[in-house]
Amino acid sequence: MAKVNTLSHPAIVRALVQHGTRRDHAHLYADAFVQYREAIDHIARFGAIVNHPRTGNPIVNPYLEIRDKATAQLKSLHRIKADFLWTPTNLHLQPPSPEPAATEPAAEPAATQPR
């Protein structure tokens, strides 16, 4: 997944403060938002089941837990008005690319047999 232009942690804090959020709350929200964004990037790239780095056995992606903890922290900060942050661009979400249409190879003309 290609990286897109997104807000950095300091830019998120600055935007939240400009929207009337206290600086300390803005830092907490920005921390959780960045963790959430990184987690969903990793989950989108590697899936919910990944291989264990040492054994190679399939395991649940640890970023699912990171995403869930960041979500819980963001919900606890529900009084912060940050709807403007939740855009596909800021979340690194891109619409899925369309599947290329399966085309049948062109039929070859029948070879003519000499008589």
C-alpha atoms as a PDB file:
ATOM      1  CA  MET A   1       0.000   0.000   0.000  1.00  0.00           C
ATOM      2  CA  ALA A   2       1.504   3.278  -1.061  1.00  0.00           C
ATOM      3  CA  LYS A   3       1.877   5.981   1.537  1.00  0.00           C
ATOM      4  CA  VAL A   4      -0.259   9.028   1.001  1.00  0.00           C
ATOM      5  CA  ASN A   5       0.110  12.531   2.317  1.00  0.00           C
ATOM      6  CA  THR A   6      -1.106  12.403   5.928  1.00  0.00           C
ATOM      7  CA  LEU A   7      -0.930  14.512   9.040  1.00  0.00           C
ATOM      8  CA  SER A   8       2.058  14.001  11.313  1.00  0.00           C
ATOM      9  CA  HIS A   9       1.714  13.824  15.101  1.00  0.00           C
ATOM     10  CA  PRO A  10       2.701  17.513  15.573  1.00  0.00           C
ATOM     11  CA  ALA A  11       0.308  18.555  12.796  1.00  0.00           C
ATOM     12  CA  ILE A  12      -2.538  16.641  14.470  1.00  0.00           C
ATOM     13  CA  VAL A  13      -1.806  18.336  17.804  1.00  0.00           C
ATOM     14  CA  ARG A  14      -1.638  21.743  16.129  1.00  0.00           C
ATOM     15  CA  ALA A  15      -4.953  21.177  14.301  1.00  0.00           C
ATOM     16  CA  LEU A  16      -6.709  19.978  17.447  1.00  0.00           C
ATOM     17  CA  VAL A  17      -5.461  22.967  19.458  1.00  0.00           C
ATOM     18  CA  GLN A  18      -6.676  25.293  16.686  1.00  0.00           C
ATOM     19  CA  HIS A  19     -10.100  23.640  17.018  1.00  0.00           C
ATOM     20  CA  GLY A  20     -10.184  24.466  20.740  1.00  0.00           C
ATOM     21  CA  THR A  21      -8.752  21.300  22.327  1.00  0.00           C
ATOM     22  CA  ARG A  22      -6.421  21.621  25.294  1.00  0.00           C
ATOM     23  CA  ARG A  23      -2.818  20.867  24.326  1.00  0.00           C
ATOM     24  CA  ASP A  24      -2.441  17.932  26.767  1.00  0.00           C
ATOM     25  CA  HIS A  25      -5.634  16.316  25.469  1.00  0.00           C
ATOM     26  CA  ALA A  26      -4.517  16.979  21.901  1.00  0.00           C
ATOM     27  CA  HIS A  27      -1.276  15.070  22.545  1.00  0.00           C
ATOM     28  CA  LEU A  28      -3.185  12.109  24.007  1.00  0.00           C
ATOM     29  CA  TYR A  29      -5.562  12.054  21.058  1.00  0.00           C
ATOM     30  CA  ALA A  30      -2.743  12.383  18.519  1.00  0.00           C
ATOM     31  CA  ASP A  31      -0.829   9.503  20.154  1.00  0.00           C
ATOM     32  CA  ALA A  32      -3.850   7.212  19.951  1.00  0.00           C
ATOM     33  CA  PHE A  33      -4.744   8.364  16.437  1.00  0.00           C
ATOM     34  CA  VAL A  34      -1.227   7.663  15.118  1.00  0.00           C
ATOM     35  CA  GLN A  35      -1.174   4.226  16.821  1.00  0.00           C
ATOM     36  CA  TYR A  36      -4.569   3.412  15.319  1.00  0.00           C
ATOM     37  CA  ARG A  37      -3.435   4.542  11.859  1.00  0.00           C
ATOM     38  CA  GLU A  38      -0.220   2.479  12.022  1.00  0.00           C
ATOM     39  CA  ALA A  39      -2.150  -0.575  13.216  1.00  0.00           C
ATOM     40  CA  ILE A  40      -4.719  -0.454  10.427  1.00  0.00           C
ATOM     41  CA  ASP A  41      -1.909   0.026   7.884  1.00  0.00           C
ATOM     42  CA  HIS A  42      -0.166  -3.102   9.171  1.00  0.00           C
ATOM     43  CA  ILE A  43      -3.386  -5.127   9.277  1.00  0.00           C
ATOM     44  CA  ALA A  44      -4.299  -4.055   5.741  1.00  0.00           C
ATOM     45  CA  ARG A  45      -0.825  -4.972   4.487  1.00  0.00           C
ATOM     46  CA  PHE A  46      -0.371  -8.338   6.225  1.00  0.00           C
ATOM     47  CA  GLY A  47      -3.879  -9.473   7.226  1.00  0.00           C
ATOM     48  CA  ALA A  48      -5.391 -10.664  10.484  1.00  0.00           C
ATOM     49  CA  ILE A  49      -3.294 -13.849  10.553  1.00  0.00           C
ATOM     50  CA  VAL A  50       0.494 -13.594  10.196  1.00  0.00           C
ATOM     51  CA  ASN A  51       3.427 -15.940  10.570  1.00  0.00           C
ATOM     52  CA  HIS A  52       5.264 -15.962  13.880  1.00  0.00           C
ATOM     53  CA  PRO A  53       8.696 -14.376  13.244  1.00  0.00           C
ATOM     54  CA  ARG A  54      10.627 -17.162  14.947  1.00  0.00           C
ATOM     55  CA  THR A  55       8.605 -20.329  14.387  1.00  0.00           C
ATOM     56  CA  GLY A  56       6.720 -19.441  11.217  1.00  0.00           C
ATOM     57  CA  ASN A  57       3.463 -20.739  12.722  1.00  0.00           C
ATOM     58  CA  PRO A  58       0.307 -18.759  11.979  1.00  0.00           C
ATOM     59  CA  ILE A  59      -0.710 -16.371  14.765  1.00  0.00           C
ATOM     60  CA  VAL A  60      -3.217 -13.574  15.229  1.00  0.00           C
ATOM     61  CA  ASN A  61      -1.685 -10.315  14.049  1.00  0.00           C
ATOM     62  CA  PRO A  62      -0.519  -8.446  17.196  1.00  0.00           C
ATOM     63  CA  TYR A  63      -1.540  -5.178  15.553  1.00  0.00           C
ATOM     64  CA  LEU A  64      -5.181  -6.168  16.079  1.00  0.00           C
ATOM     65  CA  GLU A  65      -4.655  -5.681  19.818  1.00  0.00           C
ATOM     66  CA  ILE A  66      -2.813  -2.400  19.238  1.00  0.00           C
ATOM     67  CA  ARG A  67      -5.719  -1.204  17.071  1.00  0.00           C
ATOM     68  CA  ASP A  68      -8.255  -2.208  19.721  1.00  0.00           C
ATOM     69  CA  LYS A  69      -6.343  -0.434  22.522  1.00  0.00           C
ATOM     70  CA  ALA A  70      -5.977   2.711  20.415  1.00  0.00           C
ATOM     71  CA  THR A  71      -9.700   2.575  19.605  1.00  0.00           C
ATOM     72  CA  ALA A  72     -10.542   2.311  23.311  1.00  0.00           C
ATOM     73  CA  GLN A  73      -8.305   5.291  24.088  1.00  0.00           C
ATOM     74  CA  LEU A  74      -9.878   7.341  21.292  1.00  0.00           C
ATOM     75  CA  LYS A  75     -13.351   6.480  22.600  1.00  0.00           C
ATOM     76  CA  SER A  76     -12.329   7.625  26.068  1.00  0.00           C
ATOM     77  CA  LEU A  77     -11.447  10.998  24.522  1.00  0.00           C
ATOM     78  CA  HIS A  78     -14.865  11.282  22.853  1.00  0.00           C
ATOM     79  CA  ARG A  79     -15.312  14.900  23.936  1.00  0.00           C
ATOM     80  CA  ILE A  80     -12.577  15.997  21.555  1.00  0.00           C
ATOM     81  CA  LYS A  81     -14.101  17.188  18.299  1.00  0.00           C
ATOM     82  CA  ALA A  82     -11.814  15.602  15.734  1.00  0.00           C
ATOM     83  CA  ASP A  83     -14.137  14.549  12.928  1.00  0.00           C
ATOM     84  CA  PHE A  84     -11.929  16.400  10.465  1.00  0.00           C
ATOM     85  CA  LEU A  85      -9.114  13.868  11.146  1.00  0.00           C
ATOM     86  CA  TRP A  86     -11.136  10.814  10.142  1.00  0.00           C
ATOM     87  CA  THR A  87     -10.728  11.061   6.393  1.00  0.00           C
ATOM     88  CA  PRO A  88      -9.496   8.257   4.130  1.00  0.00           C
ATOM     89  CA  THR A  89      -6.377  10.295   3.353  1.00  0.00           C
ATOM     90  CA  ASN A  90      -5.469  10.784   7.012  1.00  0.00           C
ATOM     91  CA  LEU A  91      -6.103   7.122   7.766  1.00  0.00           C
ATOM     92  CA  HIS A  92      -4.014   5.934   4.783  1.00  0.00           C
ATOM     93  CA  LEU A  93      -7.124   4.275   3.385  1.00  0.00           C
ATOM     94  CA  GLN A  94      -7.303   3.979  -0.338  1.00  0.00           C
ATOM     95  CA  PRO A  95     -10.122   2.480  -2.337  1.00  0.00           C
ATOM     96  CA  PRO A  96      -9.257  -1.003  -3.571  1.00  0.00           C
ATOM     97  CA  SER A  97      -7.799  -0.989  -7.030  1.00  0.00           C
ATOM     98  CA  PRO A  98     -10.143  -2.536  -9.569  1.00  0.00           C
ATOM     99  CA  GLU A  99      -9.323  -6.067 -10.587  1.00  0.00           C
ATOM    100  CA  PRO A 100      -8.032  -6.203 -14.147  1.00  0.00           C
ATOM    101  CA  ALA A 101     -10.616  -7.798 -16.403  1.00  0.00           C
ATOM    102  CA  ALA A 102      -9.669 -11.313 -17.334  1.00  0.00           C
ATOM    103  CA  THR A 103      -9.259 -11.326 -21.069  1.00  0.00           C
ATOM    104  CA  GLU A 104      -9.112 -14.447 -23.129  1.00  0.00           C
ATOM    105  CA  PRO A 105      -6.138 -14.657 -25.452  1.00  0.00           C
ATOM    106  CA  ALA A 106      -7.098 -13.992 -29.021  1.00  0.00           C
ATOM    107  CA  ALA A 107      -7.783 -17.157 -30.957  1.00  0.00           C
ATOM    108  CA  GLU A 108      -5.013 -17.937 -33.388  1.00  0.00           C
ATOM    109  CA  PRO A 109      -6.057 -18.306 -36.969  1.00  0.00           C
ATOM    110  CA  ALA A 110      -6.203 -21.909 -38.121  1.00  0.00           C
ATOM    111  CA  ALA A 111      -3.098 -22.901 -40.026  1.00  0.00           C
ATOM    112  CA  THR A 112      -3.742 -23.775 -43.607  1.00  0.00           C
ATOM    113  CA  GLN A 113      -2.578 -27.172 -44.746  1.00  0.00           C
ATOM    114  CA  PRO A 114      -0.884 -27.457 -48.142  1.00  0.00           C
ATOM    115  CA  ARG A 115      -2.749 -29.801 -50.524  1.00  0.00           C
END
